[in-house]
Amino acid sequence: MINKDRGIRYVAPALAVLLLITAYPVFYVLYLSLHRELLIFKISKFIGPDNFFFLFQDDRFWNALKNTVYFSTLSVSVELALGLCIALLLNRSFRLKGVTRAVVLLPWAIPTVVSARMWELIFNSDFGVLNYLLGAHINWLGSPSWAIHAAILVDIWKTTPFVVILLTAGLQIIPGELYRAARTDGAGAWKVFRTITLPLLLPVILVVLLFRTLDAFRVFDVIYVLTGGGPANATETLSLYAYKILFQTLQFGYGSAISVMVFVCTGCISVFYIKLMTGSTPR
């Protein structure tokens, strides 16, 4: 019989390390968010919730939140639809299936900074290949209306393979007997998808949405490399805004308050999807 006390002693070091690298930074950010910390002027003063009061009146914060929500909603929606279509195709039997899967997964294997820099050259308004193929002269990264959608396109290209991986795994655990029985009963492809594939794949879809929504909501690297938040803050997200306040202006107190809001938003997203997953799990 396993000794529980001995098991606790075995995992205690790992738990202590996790507590040190997760809990301590979180509490320290909360501590800083209640202070006015200006390293340039060597100011450190407790001000309570004043940073949050100022944040709710900050138009730049609301603009960053709007950009973040728009980016997350559009990119995750397209990734789910596109990833589901590709996963359904890869779940079929055909020649060179392994090679096709490797090619589909290639964008996900490329480091984000590298892929963003590559797309920055593709979007170049003067010598970029995209304008050449379209026969147009669009300022993809310099126009407020185009820049955010260019960043979304890069994110879709980069992370759709991740969606494909999870959905393909979910499709492979659906019993084949259900499909054979449905075809025997004369069900068409759409009815099979609607009554068998989609309901059984729903828990996996919710997991995909959870991971991708959290990841997209915290987007930083793609935007930072492509536009740096410009033009005119049209692509500035919450993570990028927090970075600029923290490390460019060295306002550690206010920057920490923004970081706390990002943490609260991602926490709410997690709770929402977890409740959906709990409700979709058969009892």
C-alpha atoms as a PDB file:
ATOM      1  CA  MET A   1       0.000   0.000   0.000  1.00  0.00           C
ATOM      2  CA  ILE A   2       1.352   3.432  -0.923  1.00  0.00           C
ATOM      3  CA  ASN A   3       2.266   5.684   1.984  1.00  0.00           C
ATOM      4  CA  LYS A   4       0.587   9.046   1.389  1.00  0.00           C
ATOM      5  CA  ASP A   5       2.978  10.905   3.677  1.00  0.00           C
ATOM      6  CA  ARG A   6       5.924   9.553   1.704  1.00  0.00           C
ATOM      7  CA  GLY A   7       4.289  10.631  -1.542  1.00  0.00           C
ATOM      8  CA  ILE A   8       3.817  14.171  -0.218  1.00  0.00           C
ATOM      9  CA  ARG A   9       7.495  14.304   0.684  1.00  0.00           C
ATOM     10  CA  TYR A  10       8.420  13.270  -2.852  1.00  0.00           C
ATOM     11  CA  VAL A  11       6.361  15.980  -4.546  1.00  0.00           C
ATOM     12  CA  ALA A  12       7.035  18.689  -1.950  1.00  0.00           C
ATOM     13  CA  PRO A  13      10.239  19.979  -3.645  1.00  0.00           C
ATOM     14  CA  ALA A  14       8.479  20.294  -6.992  1.00  0.00           C
ATOM     15  CA  LEU A  15       5.526  22.061  -5.373  1.00  0.00           C
ATOM     16  CA  ALA A  16       7.904  24.446  -3.598  1.00  0.00           C
ATOM     17  CA  VAL A  17       9.590  25.335  -6.899  1.00  0.00           C
ATOM     18  CA  LEU A  18       6.222  25.876  -8.607  1.00  0.00           C
ATOM     19  CA  LEU A  19       5.080  28.048  -5.715  1.00  0.00           C
ATOM     20  CA  LEU A  20       8.252  30.103  -5.956  1.00  0.00           C
ATOM     21  CA  ILE A  21       8.090  30.713  -9.700  1.00  0.00           C
ATOM     22  CA  THR A  22       4.323  31.274  -9.944  1.00  0.00           C
ATOM     23  CA  ALA A  23       2.777  32.437  -6.701  1.00  0.00           C
ATOM     24  CA  TYR A  24       5.521  34.861  -5.666  1.00  0.00           C
ATOM     25  CA  PRO A  25       5.547  36.810  -8.990  1.00  0.00           C
ATOM     26  CA  VAL A  26       1.742  37.014  -8.982  1.00  0.00           C
ATOM     27  CA  PHE A  27       1.606  38.440  -5.461  1.00  0.00           C
ATOM     28  CA  TYR A  28       4.490  40.800  -6.168  1.00  0.00           C
ATOM     29  CA  VAL A  29       2.700  42.184  -9.233  1.00  0.00           C
ATOM     30  CA  LEU A  30      -0.386  42.721  -7.085  1.00  0.00           C
ATOM     31  CA  TYR A  31       1.825  44.504  -4.559  1.00  0.00           C
ATOM     32  CA  LEU A  32       3.344  46.753  -7.230  1.00  0.00           C
ATOM     33  CA  SER A  33      -0.080  47.547  -8.708  1.00  0.00           C
ATOM     34  CA  LEU A  34      -0.989  49.252  -5.416  1.00  0.00           C
ATOM     35  CA  HIS A  35       2.090  51.469  -5.510  1.00  0.00           C
ATOM     36  CA  ARG A  36       3.397  54.332  -7.550  1.00  0.00           C
ATOM     37  CA  GLU A  37       6.755  52.986  -8.714  1.00  0.00           C
ATOM     38  CA  LEU A  38       8.841  55.298 -10.902  1.00  0.00           C
ATOM     39  CA  LEU A  39      12.423  54.087 -11.072  1.00  0.00           C
ATOM     40  CA  ILE A  40      13.647  57.116 -13.017  1.00  0.00           C
ATOM     41  CA  PHE A  41      12.665  59.483 -10.208  1.00  0.00           C
ATOM     42  CA  LYS A  42      13.219  56.888  -7.470  1.00  0.00           C
ATOM     43  CA  ILE A  43       9.595  57.166  -6.356  1.00  0.00           C
ATOM     44  CA  SER A  44       7.991  54.317  -4.416  1.00  0.00           C
ATOM     45  CA  LYS A  45       4.716  55.204  -2.690  1.00  0.00           C
ATOM     46  CA  PHE A  46       1.646  53.227  -1.654  1.00  0.00           C
ATOM     47  CA  ILE A  47      -1.440  54.664  -3.384  1.00  0.00           C
ATOM     48  CA  GLY A  48      -3.964  51.846  -2.981  1.00  0.00           C
ATOM     49  CA  PRO A  49      -6.325  51.300  -5.925  1.00  0.00           C
ATOM     50  CA  ASP A  50      -5.518  54.648  -7.594  1.00  0.00           C
ATOM     51  CA  ASN A  51      -3.723  52.902 -10.463  1.00  0.00           C
ATOM     52  CA  PHE A  52      -6.897  50.985 -11.258  1.00  0.00           C
ATOM     53  CA  PHE A  53      -9.058  54.113 -11.025  1.00  0.00           C
ATOM     54  CA  PHE A  54      -6.750  55.804 -13.519  1.00  0.00           C
ATOM     55  CA  LEU A  55      -6.725  52.692 -15.707  1.00  0.00           C
ATOM     56  CA  PHE A  56     -10.514  52.680 -16.086  1.00  0.00           C
ATOM     57  CA  GLN A  57     -10.304  56.287 -17.310  1.00  0.00           C
ATOM     58  CA  ASP A  58      -7.395  55.586 -19.660  1.00  0.00           C
ATOM     59  CA  ASP A  59      -8.545  55.723 -23.290  1.00  0.00           C
ATOM     60  CA  ARG A  60      -5.390  53.946 -24.396  1.00  0.00           C
ATOM     61  CA  PHE A  61      -6.197  51.018 -22.113  1.00  0.00           C
ATOM     62  CA  TRP A  62      -9.695  50.675 -23.562  1.00  0.00           C
ATOM     63  CA  ASN A  63      -8.281  50.907 -27.083  1.00  0.00           C
ATOM     64  CA  ALA A  64      -5.795  48.135 -26.262  1.00  0.00           C
ATOM     65  CA  LEU A  65      -8.581  46.019 -24.756  1.00  0.00           C
ATOM     66  CA  LYS A  66     -10.729  46.539 -27.859  1.00  0.00           C
ATOM     67  CA  ASN A  67      -7.839  45.531 -30.128  1.00  0.00           C
ATOM     68  CA  THR A  68      -7.135  42.472 -28.004  1.00  0.00           C
ATOM     69  CA  VAL A  69     -10.744  41.273 -28.002  1.00  0.00           C
ATOM     70  CA  TYR A  70     -11.071  41.863 -31.765  1.00  0.00           C
ATOM     71  CA  PHE A  71      -7.796  40.086 -32.476  1.00  0.00           C
ATOM     72  CA  SER A  72      -8.689  37.118 -30.261  1.00  0.00           C
ATOM     73  CA  THR A  73     -12.256  36.718 -31.508  1.00  0.00           C
ATOM     74  CA  LEU A  74     -11.484  36.889 -35.219  1.00  0.00           C
ATOM     75  CA  SER A  75      -8.275  34.844 -35.175  1.00  0.00           C
ATOM     76  CA  VAL A  76      -9.639  32.045 -32.970  1.00  0.00           C
ATOM     77  CA  SER A  77     -12.895  31.823 -34.958  1.00  0.00           C
ATOM     78  CA  VAL A  78     -11.092  31.474 -38.281  1.00  0.00           C
ATOM     79  CA  GLU A  79      -8.532  29.063 -36.827  1.00  0.00           C
ATOM     80  CA  LEU A  80     -11.279  26.815 -35.471  1.00  0.00           C
ATOM     81  CA  ALA A  81     -13.217  26.750 -38.757  1.00  0.00           C
ATOM     82  CA  LEU A  82     -10.119  26.263 -40.905  1.00  0.00           C
ATOM     83  CA  GLY A  83      -8.551  23.788 -38.497  1.00  0.00           C
ATOM     84  CA  LEU A  84     -11.722  21.680 -38.376  1.00  0.00           C
ATOM     85  CA  CYS A  85     -11.877  21.502 -42.180  1.00  0.00           C
ATOM     86  CA  ILE A  86      -8.220  20.459 -42.428  1.00  0.00           C
ATOM     87  CA  ALA A  87      -8.591  17.932 -39.596  1.00  0.00           C
ATOM     88  CA  LEU A  88     -11.577  16.322 -41.328  1.00  0.00           C
ATOM     89  CA  LEU A  89      -9.535  16.011 -44.523  1.00  0.00           C
ATOM     90  CA  LEU A  90      -6.492  14.592 -42.735  1.00  0.00           C
ATOM     91  CA  ASN A  91      -8.703  12.057 -40.952  1.00  0.00           C
ATOM     92  CA  ARG A  92      -9.430  10.397 -44.306  1.00  0.00           C
ATOM     93  CA  SER A  93      -7.238   7.747 -45.899  1.00  0.00           C
ATOM     94  CA  PHE A  94      -5.195   8.894 -48.904  1.00  0.00           C
ATOM     95  CA  ARG A  95      -1.719   8.596 -50.364  1.00  0.00           C
ATOM     96  CA  LEU A  96       1.115  10.635 -48.832  1.00  0.00           C
ATOM     97  CA  LYS A  97      -0.979  11.260 -45.735  1.00  0.00           C
ATOM     98  CA  GLY A  98       2.077  11.443 -43.484  1.00  0.00           C
ATOM     99  CA  VAL A  99       3.839  13.955 -45.748  1.00  0.00           C
ATOM    100  CA  THR A 100       0.709  16.089 -45.910  1.00  0.00           C
ATOM    101  CA  ARG A 101       0.459  16.173 -42.118  1.00  0.00           C
ATOM    102  CA  ALA A 102       4.101  17.216 -41.852  1.00  0.00           C
ATOM    103  CA  VAL A 103       3.586  20.060 -44.333  1.00  0.00           C
ATOM    104  CA  VAL A 104       0.467  21.261 -42.502  1.00  0.00           C
ATOM    105  CA  LEU A 105       2.343  21.327 -39.195  1.00  0.00           C
ATOM    106  CA  LEU A 106       5.343  23.212 -40.602  1.00  0.00           C
ATOM    107  CA  PRO A 107       4.115  26.772 -39.785  1.00  0.00           C
ATOM    108  CA  TRP A 108       3.612  25.801 -36.143  1.00  0.00           C
ATOM    109  CA  ALA A 109       7.204  24.518 -35.924  1.00  0.00           C
ATOM    110  CA  ILE A 110       8.692  27.837 -37.068  1.00  0.00           C
ATOM    111  CA  PRO A 111       9.519  30.220 -34.166  1.00  0.00           C
ATOM    112  CA  THR A 112       6.980  33.018 -33.892  1.00  0.00           C
ATOM    113  CA  VAL A 113       9.546  35.817 -34.237  1.00  0.00           C
ATOM    114  CA  VAL A 114      10.979  34.209 -37.373  1.00  0.00           C
ATOM    115  CA  SER A 115       7.569  33.752 -38.984  1.00  0.00           C
ATOM    116  CA  ALA A 116       6.543  37.308 -38.063  1.00  0.00           C
ATOM    117  CA  ARG A 117       9.715  38.709 -39.635  1.00  0.00           C
ATOM    118  CA  MET A 118       9.087  36.612 -42.736  1.00  0.00           C
ATOM    119  CA  TRP A 119       5.540  37.939 -43.042  1.00  0.00           C
ATOM    120  CA  GLU A 120       6.804  41.473 -42.483  1.00  0.00           C
ATOM    121  CA  LEU A 121       8.804  41.095 -45.713  1.00  0.00           C
ATOM    122  CA  ILE A 122       5.814  39.545 -47.477  1.00  0.00           C
ATOM    123  CA  PHE A 123       3.631  42.509 -46.437  1.00  0.00           C
ATOM    124  CA  ASN A 124       6.202  45.115 -47.494  1.00  0.00           C
ATOM    125  CA  SER A 125       4.343  47.743 -49.531  1.00  0.00           C
ATOM    126  CA  ASP A 126       7.257  48.381 -51.928  1.00  0.00           C
ATOM    127  CA  PHE A 127       8.800  44.983 -52.708  1.00  0.00           C
ATOM    128  CA  GLY A 128       6.603  42.486 -50.849  1.00  0.00           C
ATOM    129  CA  VAL A 129       5.475  39.400 -52.732  1.00  0.00           C
ATOM    130  CA  LEU A 130       1.840  39.781 -51.610  1.00  0.00           C
ATOM    131  CA  ASN A 131       1.347  43.109 -53.372  1.00  0.00           C
ATOM    132  CA  TYR A 132       3.141  41.685 -56.404  1.00  0.00           C
ATOM    133  CA  LEU A 133       0.759  38.705 -56.596  1.00  0.00           C
ATOM    134  CA  LEU A 134      -2.300  40.904 -56.058  1.00  0.00           C
ATOM    135  CA  GLY A 135      -1.097  43.544 -58.497  1.00  0.00           C
ATOM    136  CA  ALA A 136      -1.911  46.171 -55.876  1.00  0.00           C
ATOM    137  CA  HIS A 137      -0.080  48.688 -53.725  1.00  0.00           C
ATOM    138  CA  ILE A 138      -1.565  48.198 -50.259  1.00  0.00           C
ATOM    139  CA  ASN A 139       0.234  49.508 -47.190  1.00  0.00           C
ATOM    140  CA  TRP A 140      -0.499  46.423 -45.114  1.00  0.00           C
ATOM    141  CA  LEU A 141       1.396  47.410 -41.989  1.00  0.00           C
ATOM    142  CA  GLY A 142       1.140  51.190 -42.272  1.00  0.00           C
ATOM    143  CA  SER A 143      -2.620  51.538 -42.551  1.00  0.00           C
ATOM    144  CA  PRO A 144      -4.692  51.296 -39.321  1.00  0.00           C
ATOM    145  CA  SER A 145      -7.456  49.367 -41.066  1.00  0.00           C
ATOM    146  CA  TRP A 146      -5.103  46.852 -42.712  1.00  0.00           C
ATOM    147  CA  ALA A 147      -2.470  46.397 -39.990  1.00  0.00           C
ATOM    148  CA  ILE A 148      -4.643  44.589 -37.426  1.00  0.00           C
ATOM    149  CA  HIS A 149      -5.947  42.201 -40.084  1.00  0.00           C
ATOM    150  CA  ALA A 150      -2.420  41.548 -41.333  1.00  0.00           C
ATOM    151  CA  ALA A 151      -1.446  40.553 -37.784  1.00  0.00           C
ATOM    152  CA  ILE A 152      -4.523  38.316 -37.531  1.00  0.00           C
ATOM    153  CA  LEU A 153      -3.577  36.636 -40.819  1.00  0.00           C
ATOM    154  CA  VAL A 154      -0.108  35.859 -39.500  1.00  0.00           C
ATOM    155  CA  ASP A 155      -1.550  34.433 -36.287  1.00  0.00           C
ATOM    156  CA  ILE A 156      -3.984  32.261 -38.252  1.00  0.00           C
ATOM    157  CA  TRP A 157      -1.191  30.950 -40.469  1.00  0.00           C
ATOM    158  CA  LYS A 158       1.017  30.258 -37.466  1.00  0.00           C
ATOM    159  CA  THR A 159      -1.389  28.596 -35.026  1.00  0.00           C
ATOM    160  CA  THR A 160      -3.984  26.818 -37.166  1.00  0.00           C
ATOM    161  CA  PRO A 161      -1.726  23.703 -37.211  1.00  0.00           C
ATOM    162  CA  PHE A 162      -2.036  23.556 -33.402  1.00  0.00           C
ATOM    163  CA  VAL A 163      -5.814  23.435 -33.785  1.00  0.00           C
ATOM    164  CA  VAL A 164      -5.443  20.752 -36.461  1.00  0.00           C
ATOM    165  CA  ILE A 165      -3.327  18.568 -34.159  1.00  0.00           C
ATOM    166  CA  LEU A 166      -5.871  18.560 -31.327  1.00  0.00           C
ATOM    167  CA  LEU A 167      -8.922  18.155 -33.544  1.00  0.00           C
ATOM    168  CA  THR A 168      -7.306  15.318 -35.520  1.00  0.00           C
ATOM    169  CA  ALA A 169      -6.566  13.517 -32.262  1.00  0.00           C
ATOM    170  CA  GLY A 170     -10.195  14.025 -31.215  1.00  0.00           C
ATOM    171  CA  LEU A 171     -11.490  12.646 -34.519  1.00  0.00           C
ATOM    172  CA  GLN A 172      -9.385   9.513 -34.236  1.00  0.00           C
ATOM    173  CA  ILE A 173     -10.952   8.463 -30.929  1.00  0.00           C
ATOM    174  CA  ILE A 174     -14.495   8.516 -32.355  1.00  0.00           C
ATOM    175  CA  PRO A 175     -15.522   4.854 -32.877  1.00  0.00           C
ATOM    176  CA  GLY A 176     -15.718   3.907 -36.547  1.00  0.00           C
ATOM    177  CA  GLU A 177     -18.718   1.691 -35.827  1.00  0.00           C
ATOM    178  CA  LEU A 178     -20.875   4.780 -35.382  1.00  0.00           C
ATOM    179  CA  TYR A 179     -20.063   5.995 -38.881  1.00  0.00           C
ATOM    180  CA  ARG A 180     -20.681   2.585 -40.430  1.00  0.00           C
ATOM    181  CA  ALA A 181     -24.031   2.296 -38.647  1.00  0.00           C
ATOM    182  CA  ALA A 182     -25.061   5.784 -39.773  1.00  0.00           C
ATOM    183  CA  ARG A 183     -24.183   5.030 -43.414  1.00  0.00           C
ATOM    184  CA  THR A 184     -26.099   1.753 -43.206  1.00  0.00           C
ATOM    185  CA  ASP A 185     -29.141   3.738 -42.082  1.00  0.00           C
ATOM    186  CA  GLY A 186     -28.734   6.003 -45.120  1.00  0.00           C
ATOM    187  CA  ALA A 187     -27.414   9.120 -43.351  1.00  0.00           C
ATOM    188  CA  GLY A 188     -25.657  11.638 -45.572  1.00  0.00           C
ATOM    189  CA  ALA A 189     -22.295  13.269 -44.930  1.00  0.00           C
ATOM    190  CA  TRP A 190     -23.785  16.426 -43.404  1.00  0.00           C
ATOM    191  CA  LYS A 191     -26.111  14.485 -41.078  1.00  0.00           C
ATOM    192  CA  VAL A 192     -23.237  12.250 -39.962  1.00  0.00           C
ATOM    193  CA  PHE A 193     -21.155  15.306 -39.169  1.00  0.00           C
ATOM    194  CA  ARG A 194     -23.994  17.077 -37.362  1.00  0.00           C
ATOM    195  CA  THR A 195     -25.238  14.113 -35.297  1.00  0.00           C
ATOM    196  CA  ILE A 196     -22.046  12.122 -34.655  1.00  0.00           C
ATOM    197  CA  THR A 197     -18.822  14.002 -35.345  1.00  0.00           C
ATOM    198  CA  LEU A 198     -19.692  17.397 -33.917  1.00  0.00           C
ATOM    199  CA  PRO A 199     -21.297  16.243 -30.625  1.00  0.00           C
ATOM    200  CA  LEU A 200     -18.484  13.777 -29.876  1.00  0.00           C
ATOM    201  CA  LEU A 201     -15.830  16.300 -30.867  1.00  0.00           C
ATOM    202  CA  LEU A 202     -17.345  19.114 -28.783  1.00  0.00           C
ATOM    203  CA  PRO A 203     -15.203  18.508 -25.635  1.00  0.00           C
ATOM    204  CA  VAL A 204     -12.040  18.671 -27.758  1.00  0.00           C
ATOM    205  CA  ILE A 205     -13.295  21.811 -29.498  1.00  0.00           C
ATOM    206  CA  LEU A 206     -13.814  23.476 -26.119  1.00  0.00           C
ATOM    207  CA  VAL A 207     -10.262  22.558 -25.077  1.00  0.00           C
ATOM    208  CA  VAL A 208      -8.963  24.041 -28.331  1.00  0.00           C
ATOM    209  CA  LEU A 209     -10.966  27.212 -27.757  1.00  0.00           C
ATOM    210  CA  LEU A 210      -9.658  27.485 -24.200  1.00  0.00           C
ATOM    211  CA  PHE A 211      -6.000  27.160 -25.200  1.00  0.00           C
ATOM    212  CA  ARG A 212      -6.207  29.341 -28.268  1.00  0.00           C
ATOM    213  CA  THR A 213      -8.333  32.091 -26.711  1.00  0.00           C
ATOM    214  CA  LEU A 214      -5.944  32.421 -23.784  1.00  0.00           C
ATOM    215  CA  ASP A 215      -2.956  32.416 -26.113  1.00  0.00           C
ATOM    216  CA  ALA A 216      -4.494  34.951 -28.506  1.00  0.00           C
ATOM    217  CA  PHE A 217      -5.607  37.224 -25.669  1.00  0.00           C
ATOM    218  CA  ARG A 218      -2.011  37.402 -24.441  1.00  0.00           C
ATOM    219  CA  VAL A 219      -0.583  38.019 -27.914  1.00  0.00           C
ATOM    220  CA  PHE A 220       2.646  39.995 -27.884  1.00  0.00           C
ATOM    221  CA  ASP A 221       5.421  38.725 -30.137  1.00  0.00           C
ATOM    222  CA  VAL A 222       3.578  38.813 -33.474  1.00  0.00           C
ATOM    223  CA  ILE A 223       2.347  42.368 -32.936  1.00  0.00           C
ATOM    224  CA  TYR A 224       5.676  43.534 -31.528  1.00  0.00           C
ATOM    225  CA  VAL A 225       7.635  42.326 -34.555  1.00  0.00           C
ATOM    226  CA  LEU A 226       5.120  43.331 -37.234  1.00  0.00           C
ATOM    227  CA  THR A 227       3.945  46.775 -36.144  1.00  0.00           C
ATOM    228  CA  GLY A 228       5.151  47.502 -32.615  1.00  0.00           C
ATOM    229  CA  GLY A 229       1.551  48.457 -31.828  1.00  0.00           C
ATOM    230  CA  GLY A 230       1.247  51.021 -34.607  1.00  0.00           C
ATOM    231  CA  PRO A 231       0.189  52.773 -36.643  1.00  0.00           C
ATOM    232  CA  ALA A 232      -1.362  55.185 -34.131  1.00  0.00           C
ATOM    233  CA  ASN A 233      -1.858  52.334 -31.608  1.00  0.00           C
ATOM    234  CA  ALA A 234      -4.197  50.597 -34.040  1.00  0.00           C
ATOM    235  CA  THR A 235      -2.656  47.199 -33.260  1.00  0.00           C
ATOM    236  CA  GLU A 236      -1.615  47.787 -29.655  1.00  0.00           C
ATOM    237  CA  THR A 237      -2.805  44.936 -27.411  1.00  0.00           C
ATOM    238  CA  LEU A 238      -2.970  44.755 -23.624  1.00  0.00           C
ATOM    239  CA  SER A 239       0.251  42.755 -23.338  1.00  0.00           C
ATOM    240  CA  LEU A 240       2.095  45.183 -25.595  1.00  0.00           C
ATOM    241  CA  TYR A 241       0.711  48.195 -23.730  1.00  0.00           C
ATOM    242  CA  ALA A 242       1.804  46.691 -20.411  1.00  0.00           C
ATOM    243  CA  TYR A 243       5.275  46.043 -21.853  1.00  0.00           C
ATOM    244  CA  LYS A 244       5.650  49.628 -23.019  1.00  0.00           C
ATOM    245  CA  ILE A 245       4.536  51.064 -19.679  1.00  0.00           C
ATOM    246  CA  LEU A 246       6.743  48.680 -17.694  1.00  0.00           C
ATOM    247  CA  PHE A 247       9.963  48.658 -19.701  1.00  0.00           C
ATOM    248  CA  GLN A 248       9.904  51.806 -21.816  1.00  0.00           C
ATOM    249  CA  THR A 249       8.550  54.343 -19.342  1.00  0.00           C
ATOM    250  CA  LEU A 250       9.515  52.287 -16.230  1.00  0.00           C
ATOM    251  CA  GLN A 251       6.156  52.925 -14.555  1.00  0.00           C
ATOM    252  CA  PHE A 252       6.180  49.639 -12.685  1.00  0.00           C
ATOM    253  CA  GLY A 253       3.102  50.443 -10.601  1.00  0.00           C
ATOM    254  CA  TYR A 254       0.760  51.327 -13.447  1.00  0.00           C
ATOM    255  CA  GLY A 255       2.245  48.655 -15.697  1.00  0.00           C
ATOM    256  CA  SER A 256       1.594  46.080 -12.994  1.00  0.00           C
ATOM    257  CA  ALA A 257      -2.026  47.259 -12.768  1.00  0.00           C
ATOM    258  CA  ILE A 258      -2.413  46.606 -16.505  1.00  0.00           C
ATOM    259  CA  SER A 259      -0.834  43.173 -16.037  1.00  0.00           C
ATOM    260  CA  VAL A 260      -3.321  42.418 -13.252  1.00  0.00           C
ATOM    261  CA  MET A 261      -6.185  43.265 -15.602  1.00  0.00           C
ATOM    262  CA  VAL A 262      -4.749  40.884 -18.207  1.00  0.00           C
ATOM    263  CA  PHE A 263      -4.583  38.216 -15.499  1.00  0.00           C
ATOM    264  CA  VAL A 264      -8.199  38.895 -14.468  1.00  0.00           C
ATOM    265  CA  CYS A 265      -9.419  38.742 -18.081  1.00  0.00           C
ATOM    266  CA  THR A 266      -7.639  35.454 -18.788  1.00  0.00           C
ATOM    267  CA  GLY A 267      -8.970  34.061 -15.506  1.00  0.00           C
ATOM    268  CA  CYS A 268     -12.540  34.943 -16.508  1.00  0.00           C
ATOM    269  CA  ILE A 269     -12.006  33.331 -19.921  1.00  0.00           C
ATOM    270  CA  SER A 270     -10.700  30.160 -18.254  1.00  0.00           C
ATOM    271  CA  VAL A 271     -13.669  29.953 -15.866  1.00  0.00           C
ATOM    272  CA  PHE A 272     -16.104  30.469 -18.761  1.00  0.00           C
ATOM    273  CA  TYR A 273     -14.665  27.650 -20.867  1.00  0.00           C
ATOM    274  CA  ILE A 274     -14.235  25.309 -17.907  1.00  0.00           C
ATOM    275  CA  LYS A 275     -17.927  25.720 -17.094  1.00  0.00           C
ATOM    276  CA  LEU A 276     -18.769  24.963 -20.720  1.00  0.00           C
ATOM    277  CA  MET A 277     -16.574  21.867 -20.647  1.00  0.00           C
ATOM    278  CA  THR A 278     -18.164  20.711 -17.405  1.00  0.00           C
ATOM    279  CA  GLY A 279     -21.594  21.127 -18.905  1.00  0.00           C
ATOM    280  CA  SER A 280     -20.674  19.247 -22.091  1.00  0.00           C
ATOM    281  CA  THR A 281     -19.166  16.267 -20.258  1.00  0.00           C
ATOM    282  CA  PRO A 282     -21.560  13.285 -20.113  1.00  0.00           C
ATOM    283  CA  ARG A 283     -22.580  12.369 -16.580  1.00  0.00           C
END
